[in-house]
Amino acid sequence: MAVNDIKIGRLKLSHAKAINRKCADIFIADRYIRHIANNHKNELAKLGFGVLEYVRLITSNYNQIRQGSEDSILLFIYTDKHLHHVAAISLIFDTKKSVWEIKTAQPRHTKNIEKKKILWQKLSKF
């Protein structure tokens, strides 16, 4: 871990097993905090979040995991198929550090994620 890496959460064991991935802590490097702030600060500000608050919200409350590009996975807070936005972060597993690293985080339109394969989801009890 770099000195400036911040632990944000953990990919839960049961979820990791369900998607055949490693259960490990989730970290974010300072350069990715800057990336998210530089590229998505207006979107996050509209929602009333700073970068760290936003990624912590997702890692604590995600209810869907989808396949990202290449080896990445996407954690989502997906509340209703009729909503136009979902909260999302992209994670890559760092085999040298044995941790998940956040590469980006942003609100996304549902139409942009419908094509991504669902790996795991927690179904609503209602």
Protein backbone atom coordinates (compact mmCIF):
# COMPACT_ATOMS: atom_id res chain seq x y z
CA MET A 1 0.00 0.00 0.00
CA ALA A 2 1.20 3.49 -0.73
CA VAL A 3 1.34 5.90 2.17
CA ASN A 4 -1.64 7.86 0.84
CA ASP A 5 -3.89 4.87 0.13
CA ILE A 6 -7.08 4.97 2.20
CA LYS A 7 -9.03 1.89 3.25
CA ILE A 8 -12.64 2.39 2.18
CA GLY A 9 -14.28 -0.97 2.88
CA ARG A 10 -14.13 -4.65 2.04
CA LEU A 11 -15.60 -6.94 -0.61
CA LYS A 12 -17.67 -9.23 1.58
CA LEU A 13 -16.69 -12.91 1.74
CA SER A 14 -20.09 -14.24 0.68
CA HIS A 15 -20.18 -11.85 -2.29
CA ALA A 16 -16.60 -12.65 -3.29
CA LYS A 17 -17.37 -16.38 -3.23
CA ALA A 18 -20.56 -15.87 -5.24
CA ILE A 19 -18.63 -14.14 -8.04
CA ASN A 20 -15.50 -16.31 -7.72
CA ARG A 21 -13.25 -13.41 -6.70
CA LYS A 22 -11.00 -12.65 -3.75
CA CYS A 23 -12.41 -11.34 -0.52
CA ALA A 24 -10.18 -8.37 0.31
CA ASP A 25 -10.11 -4.82 1.58
CA ILE A 26 -10.99 -1.99 -0.78
CA PHE A 27 -8.56 0.92 -1.00
CA ILE A 28 -8.41 4.16 -2.93
CA ALA A 29 -5.16 5.87 -3.88
CA ASP A 30 -4.75 9.63 -3.72
CA ARG A 31 -4.41 9.84 -7.52
CA TYR A 32 -7.86 8.24 -7.96
CA ILE A 33 -9.40 10.57 -5.38
CA ARG A 34 -8.05 13.43 -7.51
CA HIS A 35 -9.32 11.74 -10.70
CA ILE A 36 -12.84 11.39 -9.31
CA ALA A 37 -12.81 14.94 -7.92
CA ASN A 38 -11.56 16.39 -11.21
CA ASN A 39 -13.94 14.44 -13.46
CA HIS A 40 -17.10 13.98 -11.40
CA LYS A 41 -17.17 16.69 -8.71
CA ASN A 42 -20.19 18.47 -10.21
CA GLU A 43 -22.22 15.24 -10.33
CA LEU A 44 -21.25 14.39 -6.75
CA ALA A 45 -21.90 17.95 -5.53
CA LYS A 46 -25.45 17.77 -6.93
CA LEU A 47 -25.94 14.68 -4.78
CA GLY A 48 -24.37 16.39 -1.76
CA PHE A 49 -21.29 14.14 -1.52
CA GLY A 50 -17.55 14.51 -1.47
CA VAL A 51 -15.42 11.78 -3.07
CA LEU A 52 -14.66 9.78 0.08
CA GLU A 53 -18.24 10.00 1.35
CA TYR A 54 -19.52 8.74 -1.99
CA VAL A 55 -17.19 5.75 -2.29
CA ARG A 56 -17.80 4.80 1.35
CA LEU A 57 -21.55 4.96 0.77
CA ILE A 58 -21.25 2.54 -2.14
CA THR A 59 -18.86 0.09 -0.47
CA SER A 60 -21.13 -0.02 2.58
CA ASN A 61 -24.45 -0.30 0.75
CA TYR A 62 -23.91 -1.87 -2.67
CA ASN A 63 -26.59 -4.33 -3.71
CA GLN A 64 -25.36 -5.33 -7.13
CA ILE A 65 -22.04 -6.38 -8.65
CA ARG A 66 -21.59 -6.35 -12.42
CA GLN A 67 -18.74 -7.28 -14.71
CA GLY A 68 -16.71 -4.24 -15.69
CA SER A 69 -14.25 -3.96 -18.53
CA GLU A 70 -11.51 -6.58 -18.62
CA ASP A 71 -10.92 -7.82 -15.04
CA SER A 72 -12.72 -5.02 -13.22
CA ILE A 73 -15.95 -5.33 -11.30
CA LEU A 74 -18.54 -2.63 -10.70
CA LEU A 75 -20.29 -2.12 -7.37
CA PHE A 76 -23.69 -0.47 -7.62
CA ILE A 77 -26.38 0.91 -5.43
CA TYR A 78 -29.29 0.06 -7.68
CA THR A 79 -32.63 0.96 -6.13
CA ASP A 80 -35.19 0.74 -8.89
CA LYS A 81 -35.10 -0.15 -12.58
CA HIS A 82 -37.04 3.01 -13.34
CA LEU A 83 -34.47 5.37 -11.85
CA HIS A 84 -32.23 7.16 -14.27
CA HIS A 85 -29.11 7.08 -12.15
CA VAL A 86 -27.27 4.56 -10.03
CA ALA A 87 -24.19 4.96 -7.85
CA ALA A 88 -21.20 3.04 -9.16
CA ILE A 89 -17.54 2.40 -8.49
CA SER A 90 -15.06 0.41 -10.55
CA LEU A 91 -12.65 -1.95 -8.75
CA ILE A 92 -9.52 -3.74 -9.96
CA PHE A 93 -7.82 -6.45 -7.90
CA ASP A 94 -4.14 -5.67 -7.29
CA THR A 95 -2.44 -9.08 -7.08
CA LYS A 96 0.79 -7.60 -5.68
CA LYS A 97 -0.98 -5.86 -2.79
CA SER A 98 -3.83 -8.39 -2.52
CA VAL A 99 -6.45 -5.63 -2.30
CA TRP A 100 -9.22 -4.19 -4.41
CA GLU A 101 -8.45 -0.70 -5.71
CA ILE A 102 -11.05 1.88 -6.65
CA LYS A 103 -10.26 3.27 -10.10
CA THR A 104 -13.25 5.56 -10.53
CA ALA A 105 -16.63 6.38 -9.03
CA GLN A 106 -19.57 8.23 -10.49
CA PRO A 107 -23.32 8.36 -10.82
CA ARG A 108 -24.30 6.55 -14.02
CA HIS A 109 -27.39 6.34 -16.16
CA THR A 110 -29.10 2.96 -15.95
CA LYS A 111 -29.11 2.70 -19.73
CA ASN A 112 -25.30 2.61 -19.61
CA ILE A 113 -25.17 -0.39 -17.30
CA GLU A 114 -27.97 -2.62 -18.51
CA LYS A 115 -25.57 -4.40 -20.89
CA LYS A 116 -23.08 -5.21 -18.13
CA LYS A 117 -23.42 -8.78 -16.86
CA ILE A 118 -24.85 -9.11 -13.34
CA LEU A 119 -22.51 -11.22 -11.19
CA TRP A 120 -24.36 -10.84 -7.89
CA GLN A 121 -27.33 -8.94 -6.57
CA LYS A 122 -29.32 -8.64 -3.41
CA LEU A 123 -32.99 -8.79 -4.29
CA SER A 124 -35.41 -6.46 -2.62
CA LYS A 125 -37.56 -7.97 0.11
CA PHE A 126 -40.62 -6.12 -1.16
